[in-house]
PDB file of N, CA and C in Angstrom:
ATOM      1  N   MET A   1      30.060 114.540  55.558  1.00  0.00           N
ATOM      2  CA  MET A   1      29.504 113.295  55.102  1.00  0.00           C
ATOM      3  C   MET A   1      28.268 113.693  54.594  1.00  0.00           C
ATOM      4  N   ASP A   2      27.580 112.910  53.632  1.00  0.00           N
ATOM      5  CA  ASP A   2      26.241 112.901  53.380  1.00  0.00           C
ATOM      6  C   ASP A   2      25.425 111.946  53.807  1.00  0.00           C
ATOM      7  N   CYS A   3      24.194 111.892  53.699  1.00  0.00           N
ATOM      8  CA  CYS A   3      23.073 110.875  54.170  1.00  0.00           C
ATOM      9  C   CYS A   3      23.358 109.394  54.006  1.00  0.00           C
ATOM     10  N   SER A   4      24.433 109.464  53.101  1.00  0.00           N
ATOM     11  CA  SER A   4      24.634 107.679  52.779  1.00  0.00           C
ATOM     12  C   SER A   4      25.655 107.304  53.620  1.00  0.00           C
ATOM     13  N   GLY A   5      26.441 108.404  54.230  1.00  0.00           N
ATOM     14  CA  GLY A   5      27.496 108.021  55.058  1.00  0.00           C
ATOM     15  C   GLY A   5      28.980 108.203  54.394  1.00  0.00           C
ATOM     16  N   LYS A   6      28.812 108.444  53.220  1.00  0.00           N
ATOM     17  CA  LYS A   6      30.140 108.627  52.168  1.00  0.00           C
ATOM     18  C   LYS A   6      30.538 110.017  52.136  1.00  0.00           C
ATOM     19  N   THR A   7      31.765 110.408  52.003  1.00  0.00           N
ATOM     20  CA  THR A   7      32.206 111.835  51.898  1.00  0.00           C
ATOM     21  C   THR A   7      32.117 112.081  50.609  1.00  0.00           C
ATOM     22  N   PRO A   8      31.326 113.578  50.377  1.00  0.00           N
ATOM     23  CA  PRO A   8      31.155 113.917  48.794  1.00  0.00           C
ATOM     24  C   PRO A   8      32.442 114.310  48.321  1.00  0.00           C
ATOM     25  N   MET A   9      32.329 114.303  46.906  1.00  0.00           N
ATOM     26  CA  MET A   9      33.787 114.627  46.307  1.00  0.00           C
ATOM     27  C   MET A   9      33.726 116.214  45.988  1.00  0.00           C
ATOM     28  N   THR A  10      34.719 116.883  46.424  1.00  0.00           N
ATOM     29  CA  THR A  10      34.856 117.977  46.038  1.00  0.00           C
ATOM     30  C   THR A  10      35.136 118.671  44.788  1.00  0.00           C
ATOM     31  N   GLY A  11      35.207 119.882  44.278  1.00  0.00           N
ATOM     32  CA  GLY A  11      35.608 120.378  43.003  1.00  0.00           C
ATOM     33  C   GLY A  11      37.011 120.011  42.701  1.00  0.00           C
ATOM     34  N   ARG A  12      37.733 120.054  43.733  1.00  0.00           N
ATOM     35  CA  ARG A  12      39.491 119.832  43.719  1.00  0.00           C
ATOM     36  C   ARG A  12      39.450 118.240  43.258  1.00  0.00           C
ATOM     37  N   THR A  13      38.802 117.158  44.221  1.00  0.00           N
ATOM     38  CA  THR A  13      38.841 115.975  43.944  1.00  0.00           C
ATOM     39  C   THR A  13      38.423 115.726  42.701  1.00  0.00           C
ATOM     40  N   ILE A  14      37.374 116.081  42.110  1.00  0.00           N
ATOM     41  CA  ILE A  14      36.972 115.889  40.874  1.00  0.00           C
ATOM     42  C   ILE A  14      37.944 116.029  39.850  1.00  0.00           C
ATOM     43  N   LEU A  15      38.593 117.405  39.910  1.00  0.00           N
ATOM     44  CA  LEU A  15      39.523 117.874  38.929  1.00  0.00           C
ATOM     45  C   LEU A  15      40.667 117.001  38.912  1.00  0.00           C
ATOM     46  N   ILE A  16      41.301 116.706  40.114  1.00  0.00           N
ATOM     47  CA  ILE A  16      42.310 115.843  40.190  1.00  0.00           C
ATOM     48  C   ILE A  16      42.058 114.538  39.565  1.00  0.00           C
ATOM     49  N   ALA A  17      40.858 114.009  40.101  1.00  0.00           N
ATOM     50  CA  ALA A  17      40.593 112.553  39.128  1.00  0.00           C
ATOM     51  C   ALA A  17      40.371 112.720  37.718  1.00  0.00           C
ATOM     52  N   CYS A  18      39.761 113.689  37.286  1.00  0.00           N
ATOM     53  CA  CYS A  18      39.933 114.151  35.739  1.00  0.00           C
ATOM     54  C   CYS A  18      41.238 113.997  35.210  1.00  0.00           C
ATOM     55  N   PHE A  19      42.226 114.856  35.790  1.00  0.00           N
ATOM     56  CA  PHE A  19      43.486 114.864  35.582  1.00  0.00           C
ATOM     57  C   PHE A  19      44.130 113.593  35.261  1.00  0.00           C
ATOM     58  N   ALA A  20      44.022 112.919  36.245  1.00  0.00           N
ATOM     59  CA  ALA A  20      44.764 111.584  36.338  1.00  0.00           C
ATOM     60  C   ALA A  20      44.105 110.821  35.639  1.00  0.00           C
ATOM     61  N   ALA A  21      42.932 110.640  35.369  1.00  0.00           N
ATOM     62  CA  ALA A  21      42.237 110.054  34.127  1.00  0.00           C
ATOM     63  C   ALA A  21      42.887 110.090  32.701  1.00  0.00           C
ATOM     64  N   GLN A  22      43.096 111.427  32.434  1.00  0.00           N
ATOM     65  CA  GLN A  22      43.759 111.859  31.155  1.00  0.00           C
ATOM     66  C   GLN A  22      45.316 111.429  31.193  1.00  0.00           C
ATOM     67  N   LEU A  23      45.906 111.244  32.179  1.00  0.00           N
ATOM     68  CA  LEU A  23      47.267 110.714  32.309  1.00  0.00           C
ATOM     69  C   LEU A  23      47.340 109.281  31.916  1.00  0.00           C
ATOM     70  N   MET A  24      46.342 108.518  32.668  1.00  0.00           N
ATOM     71  CA  MET A  24      46.334 107.224  32.051  1.00  0.00           C
ATOM     72  C   MET A  24      46.005 107.058  30.896  1.00  0.00           C
ATOM     73  N   ALA A  25      45.051 107.522  30.350  1.00  0.00           N
ATOM     74  CA  ALA A  25      44.715 107.676  28.842  1.00  0.00           C
ATOM     75  C   ALA A  25      45.911 107.688  27.784  1.00  0.00           C
ATOM     76  N   LEU A  26      46.855 108.796  28.140  1.00  0.00           N
ATOM     77  CA  LEU A  26      47.817 109.161  27.423  1.00  0.00           C
ATOM     78  C   LEU A  26      48.895 108.005  27.262  1.00  0.00           C
ATOM     79  N   GLY A  27      49.111 107.151  28.151  1.00  0.00           N
ATOM     80  CA  GLY A  27      50.025 105.844  28.247  1.00  0.00           C
ATOM     81  C   GLY A  27      51.642 106.665  28.389  1.00  0.00           C
ATOM     82  N   PRO A  28      52.693 105.967  28.069  1.00  0.00           N
ATOM     83  CA  PRO A  28      53.834 106.162  28.262  1.00  0.00           C
ATOM     84  C   PRO A  28      54.372 107.407  26.984  1.00  0.00           C
ATOM     85  N   ALA A  29      54.966 108.481  27.344  1.00  0.00           N
ATOM     86  CA  ALA A  29      55.405 109.329  26.538  1.00  0.00           C
ATOM     87  C   ALA A  29      56.850 109.299  26.446  1.00  0.00           C
ATOM     88  N   ALA A  30      57.440 109.973  25.223  1.00  0.00           N
ATOM     89  CA  ALA A  30      58.779 109.965  24.892  1.00  0.00           C
ATOM     90  C   ALA A  30      59.682 110.378  26.219  1.00  0.00           C
ATOM     91  N   ALA A  31      59.257 111.637  26.826  1.00  0.00           N
ATOM     92  CA  ALA A  31      60.163 112.252  27.575  1.00  0.00           C
ATOM     93  C   ALA A  31      59.347 113.093  28.700  1.00  0.00           C
ATOM     94  N   GLY A  32      59.886 113.192  29.751  1.00  0.00           N
ATOM     95  CA  GLY A  32      58.805 114.094  30.869  1.00  0.00           C
ATOM     96  C   GLY A  32      59.666 115.398  30.980  1.00  0.00           C
ATOM     97  N   MET A  33      59.163 116.056  31.879  1.00  0.00           N
ATOM     98  CA  MET A  33      59.469 117.462  31.955  1.00  0.00           C
ATOM     99  C   MET A  33      61.116 117.670  32.635  1.00  0.00           C
ATOM    100  N   ILE A  34      61.746 116.449  33.608  1.00  0.00           N
ATOM    101  CA  ILE A  34      62.896 116.360  34.210  1.00  0.00           C
ATOM    102  C   ILE A  34      63.114 115.159  33.821  1.00  0.00           C
ATOM    103  N   GLU A  35      64.269 114.985  32.788  1.00  0.00           N
ATOM    104  CA  GLU A  35      64.747 113.603  32.496  1.00  0.00           C
ATOM    105  C   GLU A  35      65.110 112.782  33.515  1.00  0.00           C
ATOM    106  N   GLY A  36      64.445 111.554  33.333  1.00  0.00           N
ATOM    107  CA  GLY A  36      64.987 110.471  34.252  1.00  0.00           C
ATOM    108  C   GLY A  36      63.697 110.116  35.397  1.00  0.00           C
ATOM    109  N   VAL A  37      62.722 111.006  35.468  1.00  0.00           N
ATOM    110  CA  VAL A  37      61.639 110.747  36.460  1.00  0.00           C
ATOM    111  C   VAL A  37      60.382 111.080  35.890  1.00  0.00           C
ATOM    112  N   PRO A  38      59.282 110.379  36.239  1.00  0.00           N
ATOM    113  CA  PRO A  38      57.938 110.666  35.633  1.00  0.00           C
ATOM    114  C   PRO A  38      57.614 112.017  36.322  1.00  0.00           C
ATOM    115  N   ASP A  39      56.838 112.515  35.358  1.00  0.00           N
ATOM    116  CA  ASP A  39      56.239 113.776  35.616  1.00  0.00           C
ATOM    117  C   ASP A  39      55.140 113.850  36.582  1.00  0.00           C
ATOM    118  N   ALA A  40      54.258 112.549  37.084  1.00  0.00           N
ATOM    119  CA  ALA A  40      53.315 112.252  37.997  1.00  0.00           C
ATOM    120  C   ALA A  40      53.385 110.818  38.386  1.00  0.00           C
ATOM    121  N   ILE A  41      52.930 110.806  39.599  1.00  0.00           N
ATOM    122  CA  ILE A  41      52.976 109.469  40.463  1.00  0.00           C
ATOM    123  C   ILE A  41      51.541 109.176  41.191  1.00  0.00           C
ATOM    124  N   VAL A  42      51.092 108.343  40.861  1.00  0.00           N
ATOM    125  CA  VAL A  42      49.745 107.967  41.383  1.00  0.00           C
ATOM    126  C   VAL A  42      50.095 106.601  42.574  1.00  0.00           C
ATOM    127  N   CYS A  43      49.816 106.967  43.904  1.00  0.00           N
ATOM    128  CA  CYS A  43      49.914 106.149  44.969  1.00  0.00           C
ATOM    129  C   CYS A  43      48.459 105.975  45.866  1.00  0.00           C
ATOM    130  N   ASP A  44      48.432 104.916  46.169  1.00  0.00           N
ATOM    131  CA  ASP A  44      47.283 104.658  47.199  1.00  0.00           C
ATOM    132  C   ASP A  44      47.272 105.140  48.258  1.00  0.00           C
ATOM    133  N   VAL A  45      46.357 105.863  48.926  1.00  0.00           N
ATOM    134  CA  VAL A  45      45.918 106.664  49.955  1.00  0.00           C
ATOM    135  C   VAL A  45      44.729 106.146  50.597  1.00  0.00           C
ATOM    136  N   GLY A  46      44.410 105.397  51.783  1.00  0.00           N
ATOM    137  CA  GLY A  46      43.708 105.095  52.539  1.00  0.00           C
ATOM    138  C   GLY A  46      42.708 104.415  51.499  1.00  0.00           C
ATOM    139  N   LYS A  47      41.408 105.032  51.109  1.00  0.00           N
ATOM    140  CA  LYS A  47      40.378 104.176  50.127  1.00  0.00           C
ATOM    141  C   LYS A  47      40.635 104.924  49.007  1.00  0.00           C
ATOM    142  N   GLY A  48      41.608 105.678  48.528  1.00  0.00           N
ATOM    143  CA  GLY A  48      41.434 106.220  47.239  1.00  0.00           C
ATOM    144  C   GLY A  48      43.152 106.213  46.622  1.00  0.00           C
ATOM    145  N   LYS A  49      43.384 107.140  45.839  1.00  0.00           N
ATOM    146  CA  LYS A  49      44.781 107.465  45.035  1.00  0.00           C
ATOM    147  C   LYS A  49      44.975 108.820  45.185  1.00  0.00           C
ATOM    148  N   LEU A  50      46.191 109.157  45.416  1.00  0.00           N
ATOM    149  CA  LEU A  50      46.633 110.512  45.315  1.00  0.00           C
ATOM    150  C   LEU A  50      47.808 110.842  44.246  1.00  0.00           C
ATOM    151  N   VAL A  51      47.498 111.830  43.488  1.00  0.00           N
ATOM    152  CA  VAL A  51      48.429 112.114  42.537  1.00  0.00           C
ATOM    153  C   VAL A  51      49.299 113.325  42.930  1.00  0.00           C
ATOM    154  N   ALA A  52      50.760 112.926  42.821  1.00  0.00           N
ATOM    155  CA  ALA A  52      51.940 113.916  42.885  1.00  0.00           C
ATOM    156  C   ALA A  52      52.539 114.441  41.635  1.00  0.00           C
ATOM    157  N   TYR A  53      53.042 115.565  41.500  1.00  0.00           N
ATOM    158  CA  TYR A  53      53.614 115.942  40.281  1.00  0.00           C
ATOM    159  C   TYR A  53      54.786 116.372  40.723  1.00  0.00           C
ATOM    160  N   VAL A  54      55.790 116.123  39.708  1.00  0.00           N
ATOM    161  CA  VAL A  54      57.220 116.632  39.687  1.00  0.00           C
ATOM    162  C   VAL A  54      57.222 118.175  40.029  1.00  0.00           C
ATOM    163  N   ALA A  55      58.074 118.538  41.292  1.00  0.00           N
ATOM    164  CA  ALA A  55      58.261 119.838  41.703  1.00  0.00           C
ATOM    165  C   ALA A  55      59.410 120.534  41.367  1.00  0.00           C
ATOM    166  N   ARG A  56      60.479 119.745  41.894  1.00  0.00           N
ATOM    167  CA  ARG A  56      62.019 120.202  41.851  1.00  0.00           C
ATOM    168  C   ARG A  56      62.948 119.329  41.719  1.00  0.00           C
ATOM    169  N   ARG A  57      64.084 119.367  41.243  1.00  0.00           N
ATOM    170  CA  ARG A  57      65.189 118.778  41.250  1.00  0.00           C
ATOM    171  C   ARG A  57      66.176 119.303  41.796  1.00  0.00           C
ATOM    172  N   LEU A  58      66.774 118.425  43.259  1.00  0.00           N
ATOM    173  CA  LEU A  58      67.776 118.909  43.728  1.00  0.00           C
ATOM    174  C   LEU A  58      69.195 118.946  43.295  1.00  0.00           C
ATOM    175  N   ASP A  59      70.082 119.425  43.939  1.00  0.00           N
ATOM    176  CA  ASP A  59      71.459 119.329  43.532  1.00  0.00           C
ATOM    177  C   ASP A  59      72.036 118.092  43.652  1.00  0.00           C
ATOM    178  N   ASP A  60      71.557 117.230  44.501  1.00  0.00           N
ATOM    179  CA  ASP A  60      71.884 115.779  44.648  1.00  0.00           C
ATOM    180  C   ASP A  60      71.271 114.713  43.872  1.00  0.00           C
ATOM    181  N   GLY A  61      70.735 115.386  42.815  1.00  0.00           N
ATOM    182  CA  GLY A  61      69.917 114.232  41.860  1.00  0.00           C
ATOM    183  C   GLY A  61      68.712 113.861  42.233  1.00  0.00           C
ATOM    184  N   SER A  62      68.203 113.992  43.556  1.00  0.00           N
ATOM    185  CA  SER A  62      66.833 113.625  43.859  1.00  0.00           C
ATOM    186  C   SER A  62      65.731 114.732  43.273  1.00  0.00           C
ATOM    187  N   THR A  63      64.582 114.040  43.280  1.00  0.00           N
ATOM    188  CA  THR A  63      63.567 114.902  42.664  1.00  0.00           C
ATOM    189  C   THR A  63      62.363 114.770  43.891  1.00  0.00           C
ATOM    190  N   LEU A  64      61.738 116.002  43.944  1.00  0.00           N
ATOM    191  CA  LEU A  64      60.527 116.111  45.086  1.00  0.00           C
ATOM    192  C   LEU A  64      59.442 116.217  44.047  1.00  0.00           C
ATOM    193  N   TYR A  65      58.247 115.825  44.759  1.00  0.00           N
ATOM    194  CA  TYR A  65      56.984 115.727  44.342  1.00  0.00           C
ATOM    195  C   TYR A  65      56.066 116.523  44.992  1.00  0.00           C
ATOM    196  N   GLU A  66      55.111 117.004  44.642  1.00  0.00           N
ATOM    197  CA  GLU A  66      53.924 117.763  45.418  1.00  0.00           C
ATOM    198  C   GLU A  66      52.598 117.218  44.836  1.00  0.00           C
ATOM    199  N   SER A  67      51.423 117.265  45.641  1.00  0.00           N
ATOM    200  CA  SER A  67      50.215 117.245  45.357  1.00  0.00           C
ATOM    201  C   SER A  67      49.344 118.249  45.349  1.00  0.00           C
ATOM    202  N   LEU A  68      48.455 118.351  44.553  1.00  0.00           N
ATOM    203  CA  LEU A  68      47.566 119.456  44.605  1.00  0.00           C
ATOM    204  C   LEU A  68      46.459 119.227  45.574  1.00  0.00           C
ATOM    205  N   GLU A  69      46.515 117.977  46.083  1.00  0.00           N
ATOM    206  CA  GLU A  69      45.236 117.787  47.211  1.00  0.00           C
ATOM    207  C   GLU A  69      46.166 118.333  48.562  1.00  0.00           C
ATOM    208  N   ARG A  70      45.895 119.553  49.148  1.00  0.00           N
ATOM    209  CA  ARG A  70      46.483 120.024  50.086  1.00  0.00           C
ATOM    210  C   ARG A  70      46.023 119.636  51.452  1.00  0.00           C
ATOM    211  N   GLU A  71      45.087 118.722  51.645  1.00  0.00           N
ATOM    212  CA  GLU A  71      44.662 118.067  52.779  1.00  0.00           C
ATOM    213  C   GLU A  71      45.589 116.959  53.049  1.00  0.00           C
ATOM    214  N   PHE A  72      46.407 116.445  52.229  1.00  0.00           N
ATOM    215  CA  PHE A  72      47.615 115.653  52.503  1.00  0.00           C
ATOM    216  C   PHE A  72      48.928 116.194  52.547  1.00  0.00           C
ATOM    217  N   SER A  73      49.552 116.383  53.522  1.00  0.00           N
ATOM    218  CA  SER A  73      50.989 116.749  53.843  1.00  0.00           C
ATOM    219  C   SER A  73      51.850 115.565  53.362  1.00  0.00           C
ATOM    220  N   ILE A  74      52.464 115.524  52.327  1.00  0.00           N
ATOM    221  CA  ILE A  74      53.342 114.657  51.654  1.00  0.00           C
ATOM    222  C   ILE A  74      54.735 115.322  51.595  1.00  0.00           C
ATOM    223  N   VAL A  75      55.686 114.246  51.602  1.00  0.00           N
ATOM    224  CA  VAL A  75      56.836 114.242  51.057  1.00  0.00           C
ATOM    225  C   VAL A  75      57.391 113.227  50.490  1.00  0.00           C
ATOM    226  N   ILE A  76      57.356 113.259  48.967  1.00  0.00           N
ATOM    227  CA  ILE A  76      57.767 112.179  48.078  1.00  0.00           C
ATOM    228  C   ILE A  76      59.040 112.509  47.453  1.00  0.00           C
ATOM    229  N   THR A  77      59.977 111.932  47.415  1.00  0.00           N
ATOM    230  CA  THR A  77      61.222 112.005  46.693  1.00  0.00           C
ATOM    231  C   THR A  77      61.700 110.613  45.715  1.00  0.00           C
ATOM    232  N   VAL A  78      62.292 110.941  44.805  1.00  0.00           N
ATOM    233  CA  VAL A  78      62.801 109.819  43.719  1.00  0.00           C
ATOM    234  C   VAL A  78      64.197 110.186  44.063  1.00  0.00           C
ATOM    235  N   ASP A  79      65.183 109.371  44.617  1.00  0.00           N
ATOM    236  CA  ASP A  79      66.526 109.485  44.893  1.00  0.00           C
ATOM    237  C   ASP A  79      67.290 109.465  43.186  1.00  0.00           C
ATOM    238  N   ALA A  80      68.522 109.748  43.286  1.00  0.00           N
ATOM    239  CA  ALA A  80      69.438 109.816  42.027  1.00  0.00           C
ATOM    240  C   ALA A  80      69.220 108.350  41.456  1.00  0.00           C
ATOM    241  N   LYS A  81      69.276 107.314  41.963  1.00  0.00           N
ATOM    242  CA  LYS A  81      68.929 105.941  41.724  1.00  0.00           C
ATOM    243  C   LYS A  81      67.764 105.400  40.991  1.00  0.00           C
ATOM    244  N   GLY A  82      66.505 106.442  41.211  1.00  0.00           N
ATOM    245  CA  GLY A  82      65.351 106.108  40.611  1.00  0.00           C
ATOM    246  C   GLY A  82      64.444 105.477  41.706  1.00  0.00           C
ATOM    247  N   ILE A  83      64.764 105.386  42.952  1.00  0.00           N
ATOM    248  CA  ILE A  83      63.947 104.640  43.776  1.00  0.00           C
ATOM    249  C   ILE A  83      63.046 105.868  44.557  1.00  0.00           C
ATOM    250  N   LEU A  84      61.854 105.582  44.871  1.00  0.00           N
ATOM    251  CA  LEU A  84      60.806 106.514  45.354  1.00  0.00           C
ATOM    252  C   LEU A  84      60.770 106.178  46.749  1.00  0.00           C
ATOM    253  N   HIS A  85      60.894 107.149  47.597  1.00  0.00           N
ATOM    254  CA  HIS A  85      60.781 107.256  48.988  1.00  0.00           C
ATOM    255  C   HIS A  85      59.591 108.162  49.277  1.00  0.00           C
ATOM    256  N   TRP A  86      58.591 107.488  50.160  1.00  0.00           N
ATOM    257  CA  TRP A  86      57.420 107.921  50.754  1.00  0.00           C
ATOM    258  C   TRP A  86      57.197 107.537  52.007  1.00  0.00           C
ATOM    259  N   ASP A  87      57.399 107.806  53.174  1.00  0.00           N
ATOM    260  CA  ASP A  87      57.398 107.137  54.391  1.00  0.00           C
ATOM    261  C   ASP A  87      55.871 106.520  54.528  1.00  0.00           C
ATOM    262  N   ASN A  88      55.692 105.299  55.182  1.00  0.00           N
ATOM    263  CA  ASN A  88      54.440 104.800  55.484  1.00  0.00           C
ATOM    264  C   ASN A  88      53.447 104.762  54.175  1.00  0.00           C
ATOM    265  N   ASN A  89      53.908 104.585  53.145  1.00  0.00           N
ATOM    266  CA  ASN A  89      53.316 104.206  52.017  1.00  0.00           C
ATOM    267  C   ASN A  89      53.552 103.061  51.317  1.00  0.00           C
ATOM    268  N   ALA A  90      52.923 101.958  51.548  1.00  0.00           N
ATOM    269  CA  ALA A  90      53.329 100.336  50.925  1.00  0.00           C
ATOM    270  C   ALA A  90      53.071 100.504  49.472  1.00  0.00           C
ATOM    271  N   SER A  91      52.287 101.208  48.911  1.00  0.00           N
ATOM    272  CA  SER A  91      52.100 101.031  47.546  1.00  0.00           C
ATOM    273  C   SER A  91      53.025 101.603  46.649  1.00  0.00           C
ATOM    274  N   CYS A  92      53.994 102.476  47.255  1.00  0.00           N
ATOM    275  CA  CYS A  92      55.024 103.064  46.291  1.00  0.00           C
ATOM    276  C   CYS A  92      56.181 103.249  46.932  1.00  0.00           C
ATOM    277  N   ASP A  93      56.359 103.182  48.317  1.00  0.00           N
ATOM    278  CA  ASP A  93      57.734 103.461  48.930  1.00  0.00           C
ATOM    279  C   ASP A  93      58.744 102.389  48.656  1.00  0.00           C
ATOM    280  N   GLY A  94      59.868 102.705  48.148  1.00  0.00           N
ATOM    281  CA  GLY A  94      60.848 101.521  47.996  1.00  0.00           C
ATOM    282  C   GLY A  94      61.068 101.253  46.806  1.00  0.00           C
ATOM    283  N   LYS A  95      60.111 101.497  45.836  1.00  0.00           N
ATOM    284  CA  LYS A  95      59.806 101.012  44.315  1.00  0.00           C
ATOM    285  C   LYS A  95      60.845 101.808  43.673  1.00  0.00           C
ATOM    286  N   SER A  96      60.972 101.116  42.413  1.00  0.00           N
ATOM    287  CA  SER A  96      61.971 102.012  41.091  1.00  0.00           C
ATOM    288  C   SER A  96      60.873 102.647  40.393  1.00  0.00           C
ATOM    289  N   VAL A  97      61.330 103.758  39.766  1.00  0.00           N
ATOM    290  CA  VAL A  97      60.630 104.346  38.620  1.00  0.00           C
ATOM    291  C   VAL A  97      60.009 103.345  37.707  1.00  0.00           C
ATOM    292  N   ASP A  98      60.966 102.494  37.205  1.00  0.00           N
ATOM    293  CA  ASP A  98      60.521 101.368  36.360  1.00  0.00           C
ATOM    294  C   ASP A  98      59.518 100.450  36.930  1.00  0.00           C
ATOM    295  N   GLN A  99      59.453  99.975  38.345  1.00  0.00           N
ATOM    296  CA  GLN A  99      58.357  99.361  38.752  1.00  0.00           C
ATOM    297  C   GLN A  99      57.202 100.139  38.731  1.00  0.00           C
ATOM    298  N   LEU A 100      57.216 101.194  39.154  1.00  0.00           N
ATOM    299  CA  LEU A 100      56.119 102.194  39.274  1.00  0.00           C
ATOM    300  C   LEU A 100      55.140 102.286  37.735  1.00  0.00           C
ATOM    301  N   ARG A 101      56.082 102.573  36.837  1.00  0.00           N
ATOM    302  CA  ARG A 101      55.632 102.610  35.244  1.00  0.00           C
ATOM    303  C   ARG A 101      55.010 101.273  34.892  1.00  0.00           C
ATOM    304  N   GLY A 102      55.648 100.222  35.114  1.00  0.00           N
ATOM    305  CA  GLY A 102      55.086  98.917  34.876  1.00  0.00           C
ATOM    306  C   GLY A 102      53.590  98.666  35.525  1.00  0.00           C
ATOM    307  N   GLU A 103      53.688  99.120  36.740  1.00  0.00           N
ATOM    308  CA  GLU A 103      52.295  99.073  37.832  1.00  0.00           C
ATOM    309  C   GLU A 103      51.467 100.157  37.372  1.00  0.00           C
ATOM    310  N   GLY A 104      51.519 101.049  36.243  1.00  0.00           N
ATOM    311  CA  GLY A 104      50.604 102.109  35.906  1.00  0.00           C
ATOM    312  C   GLY A 104      50.597 103.213  36.856  1.00  0.00           C
ATOM    313  N   LYS A 105      51.497 103.368  37.687  1.00  0.00           N
ATOM    314  CA  LYS A 105      51.547 104.531  38.798  1.00  0.00           C
ATOM    315  C   LYS A 105      52.471 105.516  38.617  1.00  0.00           C
ATOM    316  N   ALA A 106      53.037 105.434  37.276  1.00  0.00           N
ATOM    317  CA  ALA A 106      54.045 106.447  36.975  1.00  0.00           C
ATOM    318  C   ALA A 106      53.830 107.098  35.275  1.00  0.00           C
ATOM    319  N   PHE A 107      53.805 108.306  35.230  1.00  0.00           N
ATOM    320  CA  PHE A 107      53.202 109.049  34.159  1.00  0.00           C
ATOM    321  C   PHE A 107      53.974 109.928  33.670  1.00  0.00           C
ATOM    322  N   ASP A 108      54.283 110.408  32.379  1.00  0.00           N
ATOM    323  CA  ASP A 108      54.805 111.399  31.794  1.00  0.00           C
ATOM    324  C   ASP A 108      53.743 112.254  30.982  1.00  0.00           C
ATOM    325  N   LEU A 109      53.720 113.619  31.215  1.00  0.00           N
ATOM    326  CA  LEU A 109      52.920 114.542  30.150  1.00  0.00           C
ATOM    327  C   LEU A 109      53.288 114.352  28.660  1.00  0.00           C
ATOM    328  N   ALA A 110      52.524 114.509  27.896  1.00  0.00           N
ATOM    329  CA  ALA A 110      52.806 114.257  26.377  1.00  0.00           C
ATOM    330  C   ALA A 110      54.112 114.993  26.421  1.00  0.00           C
ATOM    331  N   GLY A 111      54.891 114.545  25.400  1.00  0.00           N
ATOM    332  CA  GLY A 111      56.469 114.812  25.182  1.00  0.00           C
ATOM    333  C   GLY A 111      56.594 115.225  23.745  1.00  0.00           C
TER     334      GLY A 111
END
């Protein structure tokens, strides 16, 4: 912490924030990297937001997401029905991809 009592932003945090801002400016795109799921999901974490990116599609149809912010060990999945699962995260857990898109929390990179 600095003298103001606030935690200073790291270079990685600034990079993630800039990338998230660019994603938000793009709006919905025609298609994502993996059909049927967003390329990035933004969820509330503590006093901030965490951006997770699509990482892998599994044989059962679910999709795994990972964050560039390694300080947070997270497991986010979107099941074959399009429902997001992230234990102990009320801002996103149990919501459909359509709900997340409607709330401005799910994004596709330019398609």
